[in-house]
Amino acid sequence: MTGSAPASDEKGAWRQADELSRTVRAAVLVKGGHAQGSRCIDVLLQPNLPSVRFDAPRWPRGMRGTGCMLSSAVASSLAHGASLEASVSRARQYVFDALARSKDIEPKS
């Protein structure tokens, strides 16, 4: 949405999140799934609030549908009255747990 290539590291994700948040004047969650490294870092920026960094092990291969699952879980949590930060945190755990139940994959250590 910023017109640039997907961020390859956490610093790039922060930069893109900040740029997009300032442009749309709304909260932005930038996923770190396309970055490199053993950790998957997501960044949540909300206007007039400190940014939030979410950290989890990276799965060993690309998964299809995790973004859709994540956004649906965030929306569901928000509908139940949770804050945006809590909703993102819960949704990330929900997706991680769903992937962990899969017999075909293990997260990178």
C-alpha atoms as a PDB file:
ATOM      1  CA  MET A   1       0.000   0.000   0.000  1.00  0.00           C
ATOM      2  CA  THR A   2       3.022   2.279   0.282  1.00  0.00           C
ATOM      3  CA  GLY A   3       4.124   1.535  -3.267  1.00  0.00           C
ATOM      4  CA  SER A   4       7.347  -0.079  -2.062  1.00  0.00           C
ATOM      5  CA  ALA A   5       8.489  -3.698  -1.997  1.00  0.00           C
ATOM      6  CA  PRO A   6       7.591  -5.765   1.072  1.00  0.00           C
ATOM      7  CA  ALA A   7       9.881  -4.949   3.987  1.00  0.00           C
ATOM      8  CA  SER A   8      12.776  -7.377   4.264  1.00  0.00           C
ATOM      9  CA  ASP A   9      13.507  -6.604   7.910  1.00  0.00           C
ATOM     10  CA  GLU A  10      11.981  -5.148  11.051  1.00  0.00           C
ATOM     11  CA  LYS A  11      13.364  -1.665  10.429  1.00  0.00           C
ATOM     12  CA  GLY A  12      11.728  -1.597   7.003  1.00  0.00           C
ATOM     13  CA  ALA A  13       8.424  -2.795   8.467  1.00  0.00           C
ATOM     14  CA  TRP A  14       8.477   0.026  11.034  1.00  0.00           C
ATOM     15  CA  ARG A  15       9.212   2.548   8.296  1.00  0.00           C
ATOM     16  CA  GLN A  16       6.363   1.274   6.098  1.00  0.00           C
ATOM     17  CA  ALA A  17       3.924   1.145   9.015  1.00  0.00           C
ATOM     18  CA  ASP A  18       4.759   4.714  10.001  1.00  0.00           C
ATOM     19  CA  GLU A  19       4.418   5.971   6.420  1.00  0.00           C
ATOM     20  CA  LEU A  20       1.091   4.220   5.890  1.00  0.00           C
ATOM     21  CA  SER A  21      -0.313   5.257   9.276  1.00  0.00           C
ATOM     22  CA  ARG A  22       0.524   8.898   8.576  1.00  0.00           C
ATOM     23  CA  THR A  23      -0.970   8.670   5.075  1.00  0.00           C
ATOM     24  CA  VAL A  24      -4.290   7.063   6.029  1.00  0.00           C
ATOM     25  CA  ARG A  25      -4.446   8.600   9.534  1.00  0.00           C
ATOM     26  CA  ALA A  26      -5.544   5.300  11.028  1.00  0.00           C
ATOM     27  CA  ALA A  27      -4.099   2.290  12.811  1.00  0.00           C
ATOM     28  CA  VAL A  28      -1.884   0.048  10.701  1.00  0.00           C
ATOM     29  CA  LEU A  29      -0.658  -3.503  11.312  1.00  0.00           C
ATOM     30  CA  VAL A  30       2.341  -4.396   9.179  1.00  0.00           C
ATOM     31  CA  LYS A  31       3.029  -8.120   9.025  1.00  0.00           C
ATOM     32  CA  GLY A  32       6.579  -9.420   9.039  1.00  0.00           C
ATOM     33  CA  GLY A  33       5.791 -12.687   7.322  1.00  0.00           C
ATOM     34  CA  HIS A  34       7.759 -11.858   4.173  1.00  0.00           C
ATOM     35  CA  ALA A  35      10.855 -10.697   6.044  1.00  0.00           C
ATOM     36  CA  GLN A  36      13.922 -12.832   6.680  1.00  0.00           C
ATOM     37  CA  GLY A  37      15.171 -14.402   9.903  1.00  0.00           C
ATOM     38  CA  SER A  38      13.986 -16.881  12.489  1.00  0.00           C
ATOM     39  CA  ARG A  39      11.530 -14.460  14.109  1.00  0.00           C
ATOM     40  CA  CYS A  40       8.362 -12.977  12.613  1.00  0.00           C
ATOM     41  CA  ILE A  41       7.924  -9.388  13.785  1.00  0.00           C
ATOM     42  CA  ASP A  42       4.638  -7.533  13.268  1.00  0.00           C
ATOM     43  CA  VAL A  43       4.259  -3.808  13.963  1.00  0.00           C
ATOM     44  CA  LEU A  44       1.057  -2.038  15.087  1.00  0.00           C
ATOM     45  CA  LEU A  45       0.946   1.740  14.836  1.00  0.00           C
ATOM     46  CA  GLN A  46      -2.018   3.736  16.091  1.00  0.00           C
ATOM     47  CA  PRO A  47      -2.340   7.515  15.877  1.00  0.00           C
ATOM     48  CA  ASN A  48      -1.268   9.217  19.122  1.00  0.00           C
ATOM     49  CA  LEU A  49      -0.271   5.938  20.805  1.00  0.00           C
ATOM     50  CA  PRO A  50       3.081   4.214  21.207  1.00  0.00           C
ATOM     51  CA  SER A  51       3.824   1.616  18.543  1.00  0.00           C
ATOM     52  CA  VAL A  52       3.584  -2.042  19.506  1.00  0.00           C
ATOM     53  CA  ARG A  53       5.942  -4.805  18.413  1.00  0.00           C
ATOM     54  CA  PHE A  54       4.720  -8.412  18.258  1.00  0.00           C
ATOM     55  CA  ASP A  55       7.308 -11.201  18.044  1.00  0.00           C
ATOM     56  CA  ALA A  56       6.866 -14.929  17.285  1.00  0.00           C
ATOM     57  CA  PRO A  57       8.857 -17.793  15.764  1.00  0.00           C
ATOM     58  CA  ARG A  58       8.793 -17.891  11.976  1.00  0.00           C
ATOM     59  CA  TRP A  59       7.215 -20.935  10.356  1.00  0.00           C
ATOM     60  CA  PRO A  60       9.582 -22.844   8.032  1.00  0.00           C
ATOM     61  CA  ARG A  61       7.549 -22.329   4.889  1.00  0.00           C
ATOM     62  CA  GLY A  62       4.990 -19.943   3.502  1.00  0.00           C
ATOM     63  CA  MET A  63       1.412 -20.499   4.520  1.00  0.00           C
ATOM     64  CA  ARG A  64      -1.597 -19.444   2.486  1.00  0.00           C
ATOM     65  CA  GLY A  65      -4.556 -17.804   4.196  1.00  0.00           C
ATOM     66  CA  THR A  66      -2.891 -16.715   7.415  1.00  0.00           C
ATOM     67  CA  GLY A  67      -3.524 -13.030   6.708  1.00  0.00           C
ATOM     68  CA  CYS A  68      -7.214 -13.665   6.110  1.00  0.00           C
ATOM     69  CA  MET A  69      -7.397 -15.778   9.262  1.00  0.00           C
ATOM     70  CA  LEU A  70      -5.600 -13.054  11.225  1.00  0.00           C
ATOM     71  CA  SER A  71      -7.817 -10.207  10.013  1.00  0.00           C
ATOM     72  CA  SER A  72     -10.970 -12.216  10.732  1.00  0.00           C
ATOM     73  CA  ALA A  73      -9.747 -13.028  14.233  1.00  0.00           C
ATOM     74  CA  VAL A  74      -8.881  -9.346  14.881  1.00  0.00           C
ATOM     75  CA  ALA A  75     -12.341  -8.259  13.697  1.00  0.00           C
ATOM     76  CA  SER A  76     -14.022 -10.902  15.851  1.00  0.00           C
ATOM     77  CA  SER A  77     -12.119  -9.821  18.948  1.00  0.00           C
ATOM     78  CA  LEU A  78     -12.920  -6.156  18.275  1.00  0.00           C
ATOM     79  CA  ALA A  79     -16.604  -7.070  17.913  1.00  0.00           C
ATOM     80  CA  HIS A  80     -16.422  -8.610  21.386  1.00  0.00           C
ATOM     81  CA  GLY A  81     -15.188  -5.279  22.784  1.00  0.00           C
ATOM     82  CA  ALA A  82     -11.440  -5.870  23.094  1.00  0.00           C
ATOM     83  CA  SER A  83      -8.985  -3.057  22.356  1.00  0.00           C
ATOM     84  CA  LEU A  84      -7.136  -3.077  19.035  1.00  0.00           C
ATOM     85  CA  GLU A  85      -3.833  -4.053  20.678  1.00  0.00           C
ATOM     86  CA  ALA A  86      -5.463  -6.903  22.628  1.00  0.00           C
ATOM     87  CA  SER A  87      -7.344  -8.013  19.506  1.00  0.00           C
ATOM     88  CA  VAL A  88      -4.151  -8.177  17.451  1.00  0.00           C
ATOM     89  CA  SER A  89      -2.367 -10.065  20.221  1.00  0.00           C
ATOM     90  CA  ARG A  90      -5.202 -12.588  20.605  1.00  0.00           C
ATOM     91  CA  ALA A  91      -5.552 -13.010  16.843  1.00  0.00           C
ATOM     92  CA  ARG A  92      -1.839 -13.658  16.403  1.00  0.00           C
ATOM     93  CA  GLN A  93      -2.001 -16.335  19.099  1.00  0.00           C
ATOM     94  CA  TYR A  94      -5.078 -17.860  17.464  1.00  0.00           C
ATOM     95  CA  VAL A  95      -3.296 -18.138  14.089  1.00  0.00           C
ATOM     96  CA  PHE A  96      -0.105 -19.449  15.710  1.00  0.00           C
ATOM     97  CA  ASP A  97      -2.083 -22.102  17.610  1.00  0.00           C
ATOM     98  CA  ALA A  98      -3.941 -23.128  14.446  1.00  0.00           C
ATOM     99  CA  LEU A  99      -0.642 -23.556  12.605  1.00  0.00           C
ATOM    100  CA  ALA A 100       0.857 -25.425  15.566  1.00  0.00           C
ATOM    101  CA  ARG A 101      -1.978 -27.963  15.386  1.00  0.00           C
ATOM    102  CA  SER A 102      -1.055 -28.731  11.778  1.00  0.00           C
ATOM    103  CA  LYS A 103       0.826 -32.029  11.500  1.00  0.00           C
ATOM    104  CA  ASP A 104       2.927 -30.873   8.566  1.00  0.00           C
ATOM    105  CA  ILE A 105       4.829 -27.931  10.036  1.00  0.00           C
ATOM    106  CA  GLU A 106       7.044 -26.921  12.920  1.00  0.00           C
ATOM    107  CA  PRO A 107       8.179 -23.354  13.714  1.00  0.00           C
ATOM    108  CA  LYS A 108      11.844 -22.477  13.204  1.00  0.00           C
ATOM    109  CA  SER A 109      13.766 -22.333  16.479  1.00  0.00           C
END
